[in-house]
């Protein structure tokens, strides 16, 4: 699994949803899906990113990347830098409330 704040946040949500399902007497999702986005600032204004989607494989009992889902920046640029800052504000708000 990618080591990113997006993944940590997603793992926490999958766990919380499973606990809520169990408390309601329901079965948790047998094959959760997680998304990942990781930005890296490469200057004071420009950034790059990598994104991926991962789904639990019930046969192999592990999370696996979904082929063709996700990608990487074509080049570092200031638009990606703005996306990175907005991502940071949103993940902090979602995680820290």
PDB file of N, CA and C in Angstrom:
ATOM      1  N   UNK A   1       0.841  -1.175   0.000  1.00  0.00           N
ATOM      2  CA  UNK A   1       0.000   0.000   0.000  1.00  0.00           C
ATOM      3  C   UNK A   1       0.885   1.237   0.000  1.00  0.00           C
ATOM      4  N   UNK A   2       0.478   2.253  -0.767  1.00  0.00           N
ATOM      5  CA  UNK A   2       1.229   3.514  -0.720  1.00  0.00           C
ATOM      6  C   UNK A   2       1.213   4.091   0.697  1.00  0.00           C
ATOM      7  N   UNK A   3       2.288   4.697   1.075  1.00  0.00           N
ATOM      8  CA  UNK A   3       2.398   5.333   2.397  1.00  0.00           C
ATOM      9  C   UNK A   3       2.055   6.810   2.228  1.00  0.00           C
ATOM     10  N   UNK A   4       0.780   7.138   2.368  1.00  0.00           N
ATOM     11  CA  UNK A   4       0.351   8.515   2.185  1.00  0.00           C
ATOM     12  C   UNK A   4      -0.760   8.859   3.157  1.00  0.00           C
ATOM     13  N   UNK A   5      -0.960  10.145   3.364  1.00  0.00           N
ATOM     14  CA  UNK A   5      -2.046  10.603   4.245  1.00  0.00           C
ATOM     15  C   UNK A   5      -3.398  10.208   3.673  1.00  0.00           C
ATOM     16  N   UNK A   6      -3.535  10.234   2.360  1.00  0.00           N
ATOM     17  CA  UNK A   6      -4.805   9.842   1.750  1.00  0.00           C
ATOM     18  C   UNK A   6      -5.131   8.392   2.091  1.00  0.00           C
ATOM     19  N   UNK A   7      -4.147   7.518   1.997  1.00  0.00           N
ATOM     20  CA  UNK A   7      -4.370   6.106   2.315  1.00  0.00           C
ATOM     21  C   UNK A   7      -4.656   5.918   3.797  1.00  0.00           C
ATOM     22  N   UNK A   8      -3.924   6.596   4.661  1.00  0.00           N
ATOM     23  CA  UNK A   8      -4.179   6.478   6.098  1.00  0.00           C
ATOM     24  C   UNK A   8      -5.603   6.926   6.417  1.00  0.00           C
ATOM     25  N   UNK A   9      -6.024   8.028   5.826  1.00  0.00           N
ATOM     26  CA  UNK A   9      -7.376   8.548   6.028  1.00  0.00           C
ATOM     27  C   UNK A   9      -8.403   7.526   5.525  1.00  0.00           C
ATOM     28  N   UNK A  10      -8.167   6.959   4.360  1.00  0.00           N
ATOM     29  CA  UNK A  10      -9.081   5.971   3.788  1.00  0.00           C
ATOM     30  C   UNK A  10      -9.154   4.697   4.618  1.00  0.00           C
ATOM     31  N   UNK A  11      -8.008   4.231   5.108  1.00  0.00           N
ATOM     32  CA  UNK A  11      -7.995   3.033   5.955  1.00  0.00           C
ATOM     33  C   UNK A  11      -8.812   3.264   7.223  1.00  0.00           C
ATOM     34  N   UNK A  12      -8.670   4.443   7.798  1.00  0.00           N
ATOM     35  CA  UNK A  12      -9.451   4.762   8.991  1.00  0.00           C
ATOM     36  C   UNK A  12     -10.939   4.729   8.716  1.00  0.00           C
ATOM     37  N   UNK A  13     -11.347   5.244   7.567  1.00  0.00           N
ATOM     38  CA  UNK A  13     -12.769   5.252   7.209  1.00  0.00           C
ATOM     39  C   UNK A  13     -13.292   3.840   6.955  1.00  0.00           C
ATOM     40  N   UNK A  14     -12.519   3.014   6.269  1.00  0.00           N
ATOM     41  CA  UNK A  14     -12.942   1.631   6.023  1.00  0.00           C
ATOM     42  C   UNK A  14     -13.116   0.901   7.354  1.00  0.00           C
ATOM     43  N   UNK A  15     -12.189   1.121   8.268  1.00  0.00           N
ATOM     44  CA  UNK A  15     -12.285   0.489   9.587  1.00  0.00           C
ATOM     45  C   UNK A  15     -13.530   0.988  10.326  1.00  0.00           C
ATOM     46  N   UNK A  16     -13.748   2.298  10.316  1.00  0.00           N
ATOM     47  CA  UNK A  16     -14.913   2.859  11.007  1.00  0.00           C
ATOM     48  C   UNK A  16     -16.211   2.333  10.405  1.00  0.00           C
ATOM     49  N   UNK A  17     -16.286   2.268   9.072  1.00  0.00           N
ATOM     50  CA  UNK A  17     -17.493   1.742   8.422  1.00  0.00           C
ATOM     51  C   UNK A  17     -17.730   0.285   8.807  1.00  0.00           C
ATOM     52  N   UNK A  18     -16.639  -0.495   8.933  1.00  0.00           N
ATOM     53  CA  UNK A  18     -16.781  -1.904   9.331  1.00  0.00           C
ATOM     54  C   UNK A  18     -17.301  -2.007  10.759  1.00  0.00           C
ATOM     55  N   UNK A  19     -16.778  -1.183  11.653  1.00  0.00           N
ATOM     56  CA  UNK A  19     -17.245  -1.202  13.048  1.00  0.00           C
ATOM     57  C   UNK A  19     -18.719  -0.827  13.121  1.00  0.00           C
ATOM     58  N   UNK A  20     -19.118   0.219  12.395  1.00  0.00           N
ATOM     59  CA  UNK A  20     -20.530   0.632  12.397  1.00  0.00           C
ATOM     60  C   UNK A  20     -21.415  -0.491  11.857  1.00  0.00           C
ATOM     61  N   UNK A  21     -20.981  -1.124  10.767  1.00  0.00           N
ATOM     62  CA  UNK A  21     -21.768  -2.237  10.203  1.00  0.00           C
ATOM     63  C   UNK A  21     -21.933  -3.346  11.240  1.00  0.00           C
ATOM     64  N   UNK A  22     -20.865  -3.706  11.914  1.00  0.00           N
ATOM     65  CA  UNK A  22     -20.942  -4.766  12.923  1.00  0.00           C
ATOM     66  C   UNK A  22     -21.853  -4.376  14.082  1.00  0.00           C
ATOM     67  N   UNK A  23     -21.787  -3.122  14.505  1.00  0.00           N
ATOM     68  CA  UNK A  23     -22.660  -2.662  15.587  1.00  0.00           C
ATOM     69  C   UNK A  23     -24.134  -2.707  15.181  1.00  0.00           C
ATOM     70  N   UNK A  24     -24.400  -2.564  13.902  1.00  0.00           N
ATOM     71  CA  UNK A  24     -25.774  -2.642  13.387  1.00  0.00           C
ATOM     72  C   UNK A  24     -26.198  -4.072  13.086  1.00  0.00           C
ATOM     73  N   UNK A  25     -25.316  -5.023  13.317  1.00  0.00           N
ATOM     74  CA  UNK A  25     -25.624  -6.412  13.013  1.00  0.00           C
ATOM     75  C   UNK A  25     -25.485  -6.740  11.538  1.00  0.00           C
ATOM     76  N   UNK A  26     -24.780  -5.912  10.806  1.00  0.00           N
ATOM     77  CA  UNK A  26     -24.575  -6.109   9.371  1.00  0.00           C
ATOM     78  C   UNK A  26     -23.153  -6.601   9.113  1.00  0.00           C
ATOM     79  N   UNK A  27     -22.948  -7.154   7.941  1.00  0.00           N
ATOM     80  CA  UNK A  27     -21.608  -7.590   7.555  1.00  0.00           C
ATOM     81  C   UNK A  27     -20.844  -6.415   6.942  1.00  0.00           C
ATOM     82  N   UNK A  28     -19.593  -6.248   7.320  1.00  0.00           N
ATOM     83  CA  UNK A  28     -18.781  -5.209   6.670  1.00  0.00           C
ATOM     84  C   UNK A  28     -18.563  -5.547   5.195  1.00  0.00           C
ATOM     85  N   UNK A  29     -18.212  -4.557   4.422  1.00  0.00           N
ATOM     86  CA  UNK A  29     -17.909  -4.785   3.005  1.00  0.00           C
ATOM     87  C   UNK A  29     -16.805  -5.833   2.887  1.00  0.00           C
ATOM     88  N   UNK A  30     -17.026  -6.881   2.098  1.00  0.00           N
ATOM     89  CA  UNK A  30     -15.996  -7.908   1.954  1.00  0.00           C
ATOM     90  C   UNK A  30     -14.845  -7.482   1.034  1.00  0.00           C
ATOM     91  N   UNK A  31     -15.052  -6.434   0.255  1.00  0.00           N
ATOM     92  CA  UNK A  31     -14.018  -6.007  -0.696  1.00  0.00           C
ATOM     93  C   UNK A  31     -14.000  -4.483  -0.809  1.00  0.00           C
ATOM     94  N   UNK A  32     -13.483  -3.807   0.222  1.00  0.00           N
ATOM     95  CA  UNK A  32     -13.452  -2.344   0.150  1.00  0.00           C
ATOM     96  C   UNK A  32     -12.505  -1.835  -0.931  1.00  0.00           C
ATOM     97  N   UNK A  33     -12.760  -0.617  -1.377  1.00  0.00           N
ATOM     98  CA  UNK A  33     -11.927   0.056  -2.362  1.00  0.00           C
ATOM     99  C   UNK A  33     -11.362   1.319  -1.730  1.00  0.00           C
ATOM    100  N   UNK A  34     -10.090   1.565  -1.963  1.00  0.00           N
ATOM    101  CA  UNK A  34      -9.421   2.763  -1.458  1.00  0.00           C
ATOM    102  C   UNK A  34      -8.787   3.518  -2.613  1.00  0.00           C
ATOM    103  N   UNK A  35      -8.796   4.833  -2.510  1.00  0.00           N
ATOM    104  CA  UNK A  35      -8.123   5.662  -3.503  1.00  0.00           C
ATOM    105  C   UNK A  35      -6.911   6.316  -2.860  1.00  0.00           C
ATOM    106  N   UNK A  36      -5.922   6.612  -3.660  1.00  0.00           N
ATOM    107  CA  UNK A  36      -4.716   7.253  -3.173  1.00  0.00           C
ATOM    108  C   UNK A  36      -4.343   8.417  -4.078  1.00  0.00           C
ATOM    109  N   UNK A  37      -3.969   9.511  -3.473  1.00  0.00           N
ATOM    110  CA  UNK A  37      -3.358  10.624  -4.185  1.00  0.00           C
ATOM    111  C   UNK A  37      -2.217  11.127  -3.329  1.00  0.00           C
ATOM    112  N   UNK A  38      -1.058  11.283  -3.920  1.00  0.00           N
ATOM    113  CA  UNK A  38       0.101  11.780  -3.185  1.00  0.00           C
ATOM    114  C   UNK A  38       0.753  12.892  -4.014  1.00  0.00           C
ATOM    115  N   UNK A  39       0.810  14.076  -3.441  1.00  0.00           N
ATOM    116  CA  UNK A  39       1.443  15.219  -4.096  1.00  0.00           C
ATOM    117  C   UNK A  39       2.829  15.439  -3.521  1.00  0.00           C
ATOM    118  N   UNK A  40       3.744  15.880  -4.358  1.00  0.00           N
ATOM    119  CA  UNK A  40       5.089  16.266  -3.923  1.00  0.00           C
ATOM    120  C   UNK A  40       5.397  17.638  -4.493  1.00  0.00           C
ATOM    121  N   UNK A  41       5.643  18.583  -3.596  1.00  0.00           N
ATOM    122  CA  UNK A  41       6.069  19.907  -4.041  1.00  0.00           C
ATOM    123  C   UNK A  41       7.519  19.807  -4.482  1.00  0.00           C
ATOM    124  N   UNK A  42       7.817  20.308  -5.672  1.00  0.00           N
ATOM    125  CA  UNK A  42       9.172  20.243  -6.198  1.00  0.00           C
ATOM    126  C   UNK A  42       9.808  21.623  -6.281  1.00  0.00           C
ATOM    127  N   UNK A  43       9.038  22.646  -5.955  1.00  0.00           N
ATOM    128  CA  UNK A  43       9.537  24.019  -5.827  1.00  0.00           C
ATOM    129  C   UNK A  43       8.556  24.745  -4.915  1.00  0.00           C
ATOM    130  N   UNK A  44       8.715  26.052  -4.804  1.00  0.00           N
ATOM    131  CA  UNK A  44       7.789  26.787  -3.941  1.00  0.00           C
ATOM    132  C   UNK A  44       6.388  26.876  -4.530  1.00  0.00           C
ATOM    133  N   UNK A  45       6.225  26.588  -5.829  1.00  0.00           N
ATOM    134  CA  UNK A  45       4.911  26.684  -6.467  1.00  0.00           C
ATOM    135  C   UNK A  45       4.505  25.456  -7.273  1.00  0.00           C
ATOM    136  N   UNK A  46       5.452  24.660  -7.708  1.00  0.00           N
ATOM    137  CA  UNK A  46       5.155  23.539  -8.600  1.00  0.00           C
ATOM    138  C   UNK A  46       5.124  22.208  -7.837  1.00  0.00           C
ATOM    139  N   UNK A  47       4.328  21.282  -8.351  1.00  0.00           N
ATOM    140  CA  UNK A  47       4.217  19.961  -7.735  1.00  0.00           C
ATOM    141  C   UNK A  47       3.995  18.904  -8.803  1.00  0.00           C
ATOM    142  N   UNK A  48       4.076  17.658  -8.362  1.00  0.00           N
ATOM    143  CA  UNK A  48       3.746  16.487  -9.168  1.00  0.00           C
ATOM    144  C   UNK A  48       2.860  15.599  -8.309  1.00  0.00           C
ATOM    145  N   UNK A  49       2.203  14.630  -8.936  1.00  0.00           N
ATOM    146  CA  UNK A  49       1.368  13.719  -8.151  1.00  0.00           C
ATOM    147  C   UNK A  49       1.399  12.303  -8.720  1.00  0.00           C
ATOM    148  N   UNK A  50       0.998  11.375  -7.867  1.00  0.00           N
ATOM    149  CA  UNK A  50       0.738  10.005  -8.265  1.00  0.00           C
ATOM    150  C   UNK A  50      -0.613   9.644  -7.653  1.00  0.00           C
ATOM    151  N   UNK A  51      -1.428   8.931  -8.397  1.00  0.00           N
ATOM    152  CA  UNK A  51      -2.751   8.520  -7.914  1.00  0.00           C
ATOM    153  C   UNK A  51      -2.960   7.049  -8.258  1.00  0.00           C
ATOM    154  N   UNK A  52      -3.731   6.364  -7.397  1.00  0.00           N
ATOM    155  CA  UNK A  52      -4.018   4.953  -7.645  1.00  0.00           C
ATOM    156  C   UNK A  52      -5.311   4.564  -6.951  1.00  0.00           C
ATOM    157  N   UNK A  53      -5.860   3.451  -7.394  1.00  0.00           N
ATOM    158  CA  UNK A  53      -7.057   2.877  -6.783  1.00  0.00           C
ATOM    159  C   UNK A  53      -6.704   1.453  -6.379  1.00  0.00           C
ATOM    160  N   UNK A  54      -7.134   1.050  -5.182  1.00  0.00           N
ATOM    161  CA  UNK A  54      -6.826  -0.279  -4.658  1.00  0.00           C
ATOM    162  C   UNK A  54      -8.108  -0.941  -4.183  1.00  0.00           C
ATOM    163  N   UNK A  55      -8.272  -2.202  -4.520  1.00  0.00           N
ATOM    164  CA  UNK A  55      -9.463  -2.964  -4.118  1.00  0.00           C
ATOM    165  C   UNK A  55      -9.017  -4.260  -3.450  1.00  0.00           C
ATOM    166  N   UNK A  56      -9.766  -4.646  -2.422  1.00  0.00           N
ATOM    167  CA  UNK A  56      -9.442  -5.886  -1.719  1.00  0.00           C
ATOM    168  C   UNK A  56      -9.770  -7.081  -2.602  1.00  0.00           C
ATOM    169  N   UNK A  57      -8.809  -7.960  -2.761  1.00  0.00           N
ATOM    170  CA  UNK A  57      -8.975  -9.187  -3.535  1.00  0.00           C
ATOM    171  C   UNK A  57      -9.306 -10.304  -2.549  1.00  0.00           C
ATOM    172  N   UNK A  58     -10.552 -10.769  -2.582  1.00  0.00           N
ATOM    173  CA  UNK A  58     -10.998 -11.773  -1.616  1.00  0.00           C
ATOM    174  C   UNK A  58     -10.310 -13.125  -1.818  1.00  0.00           C
ATOM    175  N   UNK A  59      -9.915 -13.429  -3.033  1.00  0.00           N
ATOM    176  CA  UNK A  59      -9.234 -14.708  -3.297  1.00  0.00           C
ATOM    177  C   UNK A  59      -7.817 -14.705  -2.715  1.00  0.00           C
ATOM    178  N   UNK A  60      -7.095 -13.588  -2.911  1.00  0.00           N
ATOM    179  CA  UNK A  60      -5.716 -13.507  -2.427  1.00  0.00           C
ATOM    180  C   UNK A  60      -5.608 -12.872  -1.046  1.00  0.00           C
ATOM    181  N   UNK A  61      -6.746 -12.378  -0.532  1.00  0.00           N
ATOM    182  CA  UNK A  61      -6.819 -11.775   0.800  1.00  0.00           C
ATOM    183  C   UNK A  61      -5.816 -10.645   0.993  1.00  0.00           C
ATOM    184  N   UNK A  62      -5.801  -9.744   0.002  1.00  0.00           N
ATOM    185  CA  UNK A  62      -4.907  -8.590   0.059  1.00  0.00           C
ATOM    186  C   UNK A  62      -5.464  -7.468  -0.807  1.00  0.00           C
ATOM    187  N   UNK A  63      -5.029  -6.256  -0.540  1.00  0.00           N
ATOM    188  CA  UNK A  63      -5.394  -5.122  -1.394  1.00  0.00           C
ATOM    189  C   UNK A  63      -4.524  -5.180  -2.643  1.00  0.00           C
ATOM    190  N   UNK A  64      -5.143  -4.892  -3.794  1.00  0.00           N
ATOM    191  CA  UNK A  64      -4.406  -4.892  -5.055  1.00  0.00           C
ATOM    192  C   UNK A  64      -4.732  -3.637  -5.837  1.00  0.00           C
ATOM    193  N   UNK A  65      -3.745  -3.110  -6.520  1.00  0.00           N
ATOM    194  CA  UNK A  65      -3.963  -1.949  -7.382  1.00  0.00           C
ATOM    195  C   UNK A  65      -4.899  -2.349  -8.519  1.00  0.00           C
ATOM    196  N   UNK A  66      -5.827  -1.467  -8.856  1.00  0.00           N
ATOM    197  CA  UNK A  66      -6.753  -1.702  -9.961  1.00  0.00           C
ATOM    198  C   UNK A  66      -6.039  -1.289 -11.250  1.00  0.00           C
ATOM    199  N   UNK A  67      -5.834  -2.221 -12.167  1.00  0.00           N
ATOM    200  CA  UNK A  67      -5.128  -1.893 -13.415  1.00  0.00           C
ATOM    201  C   UNK A  67      -5.825  -0.769 -14.185  1.00  0.00           C
ATOM    202  N   UNK A  68      -5.032   0.174 -14.642  1.00  0.00           N
ATOM    203  CA  UNK A  68      -5.558   1.276 -15.451  1.00  0.00           C
ATOM    204  C   UNK A  68      -6.203   2.393 -14.662  1.00  0.00           C
ATOM    205  N   UNK A  69      -6.302   2.252 -13.344  1.00  0.00           N
ATOM    206  CA  UNK A  69      -6.906   3.296 -12.508  1.00  0.00           C
ATOM    207  C   UNK A  69      -5.782   4.083 -11.832  1.00  0.00           C
ATOM    208  N   UNK A  70      -5.759   5.365 -12.049  1.00  0.00           N
ATOM    209  CA  UNK A  70      -4.724   6.205 -11.452  1.00  0.00           C
ATOM    210  C   UNK A  70      -3.757   6.700 -12.496  1.00  0.00           C
ATOM    211  N   UNK A  71      -2.638   7.198 -12.044  1.00  0.00           N
ATOM    212  CA  UNK A  71      -1.635   7.700 -12.962  1.00  0.00           C
ATOM    213  C   UNK A  71      -0.688   8.666 -12.271  1.00  0.00           C
ATOM    214  N   UNK A  72       0.128   9.308 -13.067  1.00  0.00           N
ATOM    215  CA  UNK A  72       1.119  10.254 -12.556  1.00  0.00           C
ATOM    216  C   UNK A  72       1.060  11.541 -13.366  1.00  0.00           C
ATOM    217  N   UNK A  73       1.614  12.593 -12.812  1.00  0.00           N
ATOM    218  CA  UNK A  73       1.686  13.865 -13.521  1.00  0.00           C
ATOM    219  C   UNK A  73       2.508  13.715 -14.786  1.00  0.00           C
ATOM    220  N   UNK A  74       2.117  14.441 -15.812  1.00  0.00           N
ATOM    221  CA  UNK A  74       2.911  14.425 -17.035  1.00  0.00           C
ATOM    222  C   UNK A  74       4.157  15.288 -16.885  1.00  0.00           C
ATOM    223  N   UNK A  75       4.075  16.290 -16.002  1.00  0.00           N
ATOM    224  CA  UNK A  75       5.215  17.168 -15.730  1.00  0.00           C
ATOM    225  C   UNK A  75       4.897  18.003 -14.500  1.00  0.00           C
ATOM    226  N   UNK A  76       5.948  18.474 -13.834  1.00  0.00           N
ATOM    227  CA  UNK A  76       5.700  19.360 -12.705  1.00  0.00           C
ATOM    228  C   UNK A  76       5.161  20.686 -13.230  1.00  0.00           C
ATOM    229  N   UNK A  77       4.217  21.269 -12.463  1.00  0.00           N
ATOM    230  CA  UNK A  77       3.682  22.553 -12.886  1.00  0.00           C
ATOM    231  C   UNK A  77       2.980  23.238 -11.717  1.00  0.00           C
ATOM    232  N   UNK A  78       2.659  24.521 -11.918  1.00  0.00           N
ATOM    233  CA  UNK A  78       2.048  25.311 -10.852  1.00  0.00           C
ATOM    234  C   UNK A  78       0.598  24.902 -10.582  1.00  0.00           C
ATOM    235  N   UNK A  79      -0.106  24.415 -11.589  1.00  0.00           N
ATOM    236  CA  UNK A  79      -1.475  23.939 -11.350  1.00  0.00           C
ATOM    237  C   UNK A  79      -1.451  22.791 -10.347  1.00  0.00           C
ATOM    238  N   UNK A  80      -0.511  21.871 -10.511  1.00  0.00           N
ATOM    239  CA  UNK A  80      -0.371  20.770  -9.561  1.00  0.00           C
ATOM    240  C   UNK A  80      -0.023  21.307  -8.169  1.00  0.00           C
ATOM    241  N   UNK A  81       0.748  22.381  -8.117  1.00  0.00           N
ATOM    242  CA  UNK A  81       1.069  22.999  -6.832  1.00  0.00           C
ATOM    243  C   UNK A  81      -0.180  23.503  -6.138  1.00  0.00           C
ATOM    244  N   UNK A  82      -1.070  24.126  -6.894  1.00  0.00           N
ATOM    245  CA  UNK A  82      -2.341  24.596  -6.328  1.00  0.00           C
ATOM    246  C   UNK A  82      -3.198  23.410  -5.887  1.00  0.00           C
ATOM    247  N   UNK A  83      -3.221  22.354  -6.698  1.00  0.00           N
ATOM    248  CA  UNK A  83      -3.977  21.152  -6.308  1.00  0.00           C
ATOM    249  C   UNK A  83      -3.417  20.569  -5.007  1.00  0.00           C
ATOM    250  N   UNK A  84      -2.090  20.562  -4.882  1.00  0.00           N
ATOM    251  CA  UNK A  84      -1.453  20.021  -3.680  1.00  0.00           C
ATOM    252  C   UNK A  84      -1.873  20.803  -2.437  1.00  0.00           C
ATOM    253  N   UNK A  85      -1.884  22.114  -2.545  1.00  0.00           N
ATOM    254  CA  UNK A  85      -2.270  22.925  -1.386  1.00  0.00           C
ATOM    255  C   UNK A  85      -3.744  22.726  -1.037  1.00  0.00           C
ATOM    256  N   UNK A  86      -4.593  22.622  -2.040  1.00  0.00           N
ATOM    257  CA  UNK A  86      -6.016  22.365  -1.776  1.00  0.00           C
ATOM    258  C   UNK A  86      -6.224  20.967  -1.199  1.00  0.00           C
ATOM    259  N   UNK A  87      -5.483  19.990  -1.706  1.00  0.00           N
ATOM    260  CA  UNK A  87      -5.559  18.643  -1.142  1.00  0.00           C
ATOM    261  C   UNK A  87      -5.190  18.701   0.339  1.00  0.00           C
ATOM    262  N   UNK A  88      -4.095  19.395   0.652  1.00  0.00           N
ATOM    263  CA  UNK A  88      -3.633  19.470   2.042  1.00  0.00           C
ATOM    264  C   UNK A  88      -4.703  20.086   2.943  1.00  0.00           C
ATOM    265  N   UNK A  89      -5.290  21.186   2.516  1.00  0.00           N
ATOM    266  CA  UNK A  89      -6.342  21.828   3.322  1.00  0.00           C
ATOM    267  C   UNK A  89      -7.517  20.873   3.538  1.00  0.00           C
ATOM    268  N   UNK A  90      -7.904  20.153   2.504  1.00  0.00           N
ATOM    269  CA  UNK A  90      -9.043  19.237   2.613  1.00  0.00           C
ATOM    270  C   UNK A  90      -8.737  18.023   3.480  1.00  0.00           C
ATOM    271  N   UNK A  91      -7.549  17.438   3.343  1.00  0.00           N
ATOM    272  CA  UNK A  91      -7.235  16.251   4.143  1.00  0.00           C
ATOM    273  C   UNK A  91      -7.088  16.635   5.610  1.00  0.00           C
ATOM    274  N   UNK A  92      -6.511  17.809   5.890  1.00  0.00           N
ATOM    275  CA  UNK A  92      -6.387  18.258   7.285  1.00  0.00           C
ATOM    276  C   UNK A  92      -7.760  18.490   7.876  1.00  0.00           C
ATOM    277  N   UNK A  93      -8.649  19.130   7.127  1.00  0.00           N
ATOM    278  CA  UNK A  93     -10.009  19.396   7.628  1.00  0.00           C
ATOM    279  C   UNK A  93     -10.759  18.084   7.857  1.00  0.00           C
ATOM    280  N   UNK A  94     -10.629  17.140   6.927  1.00  0.00           N
ATOM    281  CA  UNK A  94     -11.334  15.867   7.050  1.00  0.00           C
ATOM    282  C   UNK A  94     -10.784  15.040   8.214  1.00  0.00           C
ATOM    283  N   UNK A  95      -9.468  15.044   8.378  1.00  0.00           N
ATOM    284  CA  UNK A  95      -8.841  14.232   9.402  1.00  0.00           C
ATOM    285  C   UNK A  95      -8.928  14.856  10.786  1.00  0.00           C
ATOM    286  N   UNK A  96      -8.715  16.145  10.855  1.00  0.00           N
ATOM    287  CA  UNK A  96      -8.646  16.827  12.152  1.00  0.00           C
ATOM    288  C   UNK A  96      -9.921  17.538  12.534  1.00  0.00           C
ATOM    289  N   UNK A  97     -10.852  17.652  11.574  1.00  0.00           N
ATOM    290  CA  UNK A  97     -12.144  18.279  11.829  1.00  0.00           C
ATOM    291  C   UNK A  97     -12.005  19.715  12.110  1.00  0.00           C
TER     292      UNK A  97
END
